[in-house]
Protein backbone atom coordinates (compact mmCIF):
# COMPACT_ATOMS: atom_id res chain seq x y z
CA MET A 1 -56.69 -53.97 25.67
CA ASN A 2 -57.06 -56.71 28.27
CA GLU A 3 -54.23 -56.50 30.88
CA THR A 4 -53.29 -60.18 30.58
CA ILE A 5 -53.09 -60.00 26.80
CA GLN A 6 -51.01 -56.81 27.03
CA THR A 7 -48.59 -58.57 29.41
CA LEU A 8 -48.24 -61.44 26.95
CA LEU A 9 -47.60 -59.08 24.04
CA ASP A 10 -45.12 -56.93 25.98
CA ARG A 11 -42.90 -59.82 27.14
CA LYS A 12 -39.44 -59.90 25.57
CA SER A 13 -36.36 -62.01 26.28
CA VAL A 14 -34.04 -59.96 28.48
CA ARG A 15 -30.30 -60.69 28.39
CA SER A 16 -28.98 -57.81 30.48
CA PHE A 17 -29.81 -57.40 34.14
CA LEU A 18 -29.27 -54.79 36.84
CA ASP A 19 -27.34 -55.77 39.95
CA LYS A 20 -30.50 -55.60 42.05
CA LYS A 21 -31.94 -58.25 44.33
CA VAL A 22 -35.28 -59.83 43.43
CA SER A 23 -37.54 -60.02 46.47
CA GLU A 24 -38.44 -63.34 47.98
CA SER A 25 -42.14 -62.48 47.71
CA ASP A 26 -41.75 -61.97 43.93
CA LEU A 27 -39.89 -65.29 43.63
CA ILE A 28 -42.66 -67.05 45.55
CA GLU A 29 -45.26 -65.53 43.20
CA ILE A 30 -43.21 -66.55 40.16
CA THR A 31 -42.77 -70.14 41.34
CA ASN A 32 -46.45 -70.35 42.26
CA CYS A 33 -47.24 -69.31 38.69
CA ALA A 34 -44.79 -71.92 37.39
CA LYS A 35 -46.45 -74.63 39.47
CA ALA A 36 -49.88 -73.53 38.16
CA ALA A 37 -48.83 -74.40 34.60
CA PRO A 38 -50.46 -77.54 33.22
CA THR A 39 -48.77 -80.93 33.26
CA ALA A 40 -49.65 -83.96 31.16
CA ARG A 41 -52.12 -86.15 33.00
CA ASN A 42 -51.75 -83.74 35.95
CA ARG A 43 -48.71 -85.69 37.14
CA GLN A 44 -46.94 -82.61 38.54
CA GLN A 45 -43.45 -84.14 38.42
CA ARG A 46 -41.49 -80.92 37.98
CA GLN A 47 -39.13 -79.46 40.52
CA PHE A 48 -38.17 -75.80 40.63
CA VAL A 49 -34.80 -74.79 42.05
CA VAL A 50 -34.36 -71.07 42.66
CA VAL A 51 -30.66 -70.16 42.74
CA ARG A 52 -30.03 -66.70 44.23
CA SER A 53 -26.24 -66.82 44.40
CA LYS A 54 -24.47 -65.14 41.48
CA THR A 55 -21.33 -67.13 42.37
CA LYS A 56 -23.20 -70.43 42.06
CA ILE A 57 -24.93 -69.33 38.86
CA GLN A 58 -21.58 -68.37 37.31
CA LYS A 59 -20.04 -71.68 38.42
CA LEU A 60 -22.80 -73.49 36.54
CA ALA A 61 -22.35 -71.21 33.51
CA LYS A 62 -18.61 -71.97 33.38
CA ALA A 63 -19.25 -75.73 33.62
CA ILE A 64 -21.81 -75.54 30.81
CA ALA A 65 -19.46 -73.43 28.66
CA LYS A 66 -16.70 -75.99 29.05
CA GLU A 67 -18.98 -78.94 28.31
CA ILE A 68 -20.54 -77.44 25.18
CA GLY A 69 -17.24 -76.02 23.96
CA ASN A 70 -18.42 -72.41 23.89
CA ASP A 71 -16.22 -70.10 25.95
CA SER A 72 -18.59 -67.20 25.35
CA PHE A 73 -21.60 -69.00 26.89
CA THR A 74 -23.13 -67.01 29.73
CA ILE A 75 -26.17 -66.92 31.94
CA TYR A 76 -26.24 -63.15 31.47
CA ASN A 77 -25.00 -62.23 34.95
CA CYS A 78 -28.51 -62.61 36.31
CA PRO A 79 -29.26 -62.37 40.03
CA VAL A 80 -31.66 -65.37 39.94
CA LEU A 81 -31.78 -68.60 37.99
CA ILE A 82 -34.79 -70.91 38.10
CA ILE A 83 -33.98 -74.47 37.09
CA VAL A 84 -36.90 -76.63 35.95
CA SER A 85 -36.24 -80.34 36.17
CA VAL A 86 -38.44 -83.38 35.68
CA ASP A 87 -38.10 -87.08 36.40
CA GLU A 88 -36.46 -88.69 33.36
CA ALA A 89 -39.28 -91.23 33.19
CA CYS A 90 -41.84 -88.47 32.67
CA GLU A 91 -42.98 -88.97 29.08
CA TYR A 92 -43.93 -85.32 28.61
CA GLY A 93 -41.28 -83.67 30.80
CA ASP A 94 -40.11 -81.37 28.03
CA LEU A 95 -43.63 -80.11 27.39
CA ASP A 96 -44.47 -79.78 31.09
CA SER A 97 -41.27 -77.75 31.55
CA ALA A 98 -42.07 -75.51 28.58
CA CYS A 99 -45.47 -74.66 30.05
CA ALA A 100 -43.88 -73.78 33.40
CA ILE A 101 -41.19 -71.62 31.78
CA GLU A 102 -43.83 -69.68 29.85
CA ASN A 103 -45.70 -68.98 33.10
CA ILE A 104 -42.41 -67.85 34.67
CA TYR A 105 -41.90 -65.37 31.82
CA ILE A 106 -45.41 -64.00 32.01
CA ALA A 107 -45.18 -63.64 35.81
CA CYS A 108 -41.82 -61.86 35.48
CA GLN A 109 -43.27 -59.43 32.94
CA ALA A 110 -46.26 -58.73 35.17
CA LEU A 111 -43.91 -58.00 38.11
CA GLY A 112 -41.60 -55.68 36.17
CA LEU A 113 -38.83 -58.26 35.88
CA GLY A 114 -37.07 -59.61 32.83
CA SER A 115 -36.30 -63.21 31.92
CA VAL A 116 -34.73 -65.36 29.23
CA TRP A 117 -34.95 -69.07 28.44
CA ILE A 118 -31.73 -71.08 28.74
CA ASN A 119 -31.86 -74.68 27.51
CA GLN A 120 -28.25 -75.88 27.31
CA LEU A 121 -28.60 -78.36 30.20
CA ARG A 122 -31.23 -80.56 28.57
CA GLY A 123 -28.69 -82.90 26.95
CA ILE A 124 -25.90 -82.70 29.51
CA SER A 125 -27.61 -83.07 32.89
CA TYR A 126 -25.72 -86.34 33.51
CA VAL A 127 -22.19 -85.18 32.63
CA PRO A 128 -20.21 -85.60 35.88
CA SER A 129 -19.01 -81.97 36.13
CA ILE A 130 -22.57 -80.72 35.56
CA ARG A 131 -24.15 -83.38 37.76
CA LYS A 132 -21.93 -82.39 40.67
CA ILE A 133 -23.30 -78.84 40.53
CA LEU A 134 -26.89 -80.03 40.06
CA ASP A 135 -26.44 -82.31 43.09
CA SER A 136 -25.37 -79.29 45.13
CA PHE A 137 -28.56 -77.56 43.92
CA GLN A 138 -30.65 -80.52 45.14
CA VAL A 139 -31.75 -81.52 41.64
CA PRO A 140 -32.62 -85.23 41.94
CA LYS A 141 -30.26 -87.62 40.15
CA ASN A 142 -33.11 -89.05 38.06
CA HIS A 143 -34.16 -85.60 36.81
CA VAL A 144 -33.49 -84.01 33.44
CA VAL A 145 -33.15 -80.24 33.30
CA TRP A 146 -35.26 -79.23 30.32
CA ALA A 147 -35.15 -75.51 30.94
CA MET A 148 -33.75 -72.70 33.03
CA SER A 149 -34.81 -69.10 33.30
CA ALA A 150 -32.44 -66.23 34.05
CA ILE A 151 -34.38 -63.59 35.98
CA GLY A 152 -33.79 -60.08 37.20
CA TYR A 153 -34.52 -56.43 36.70
CA PRO A 154 -33.78 -55.55 33.07
CA SER A 155 -30.98 -53.09 32.47
CA GLU A 156 -32.53 -52.43 29.06
CA ILE A 157 -35.76 -53.38 27.33
CA PRO A 158 -35.14 -55.04 23.97
CA GLU A 159 -36.93 -53.77 20.90
CA PRO A 160 -39.75 -56.05 19.81
CA LYS A 161 -38.90 -58.41 16.97
CA GLU A 162 -41.23 -58.90 14.07
CA ARG A 163 -43.34 -62.03 14.41
CA THR A 164 -43.50 -63.90 11.11
CA GLU A 165 -45.20 -67.18 11.98
CA LYS A 166 -48.08 -68.06 9.73
CA VAL A 167 -51.65 -68.16 11.04
CA VAL A 168 -54.32 -69.95 9.02
CA PHE A 169 -58.05 -69.62 9.74
CA ILE A 170 -60.35 -72.34 8.41
CA ASP A 171 -64.14 -71.91 8.30
């Protein structure tokens, strides 16, 4: 089977990570792949913030948990969090972010890393307690965070889940 297709089919959401540092060269490759994802009208309005401090990641997780009223919310104790934000005026920011996140996941899989999509910030980016943290992460005030990706070396590989979406071929 084609190597790219195999990488796509092997990718799983990982929610348990080893306490192992991800190399800067891998993070550069991953963000280059994210930036290579298409954007509507080629506007390229996304920003990628790579947070490598577990303390800062956990601070954000606690603020999100409080805001959404879910004490069990976590960012899976990951060593790296990539935050994808887009100017709020960008008409297709959610779609542009989704394309970038998918490229992040595929790049992680190809590099032997795991990843999982986290989307709780999309509706609360402007809440003062959240905004204060995003400001410290240099996320522009006019940006919406549509997606985040927790990244690291998987401590376990999840079993594949059955895919049940319908496919229709028309001749």
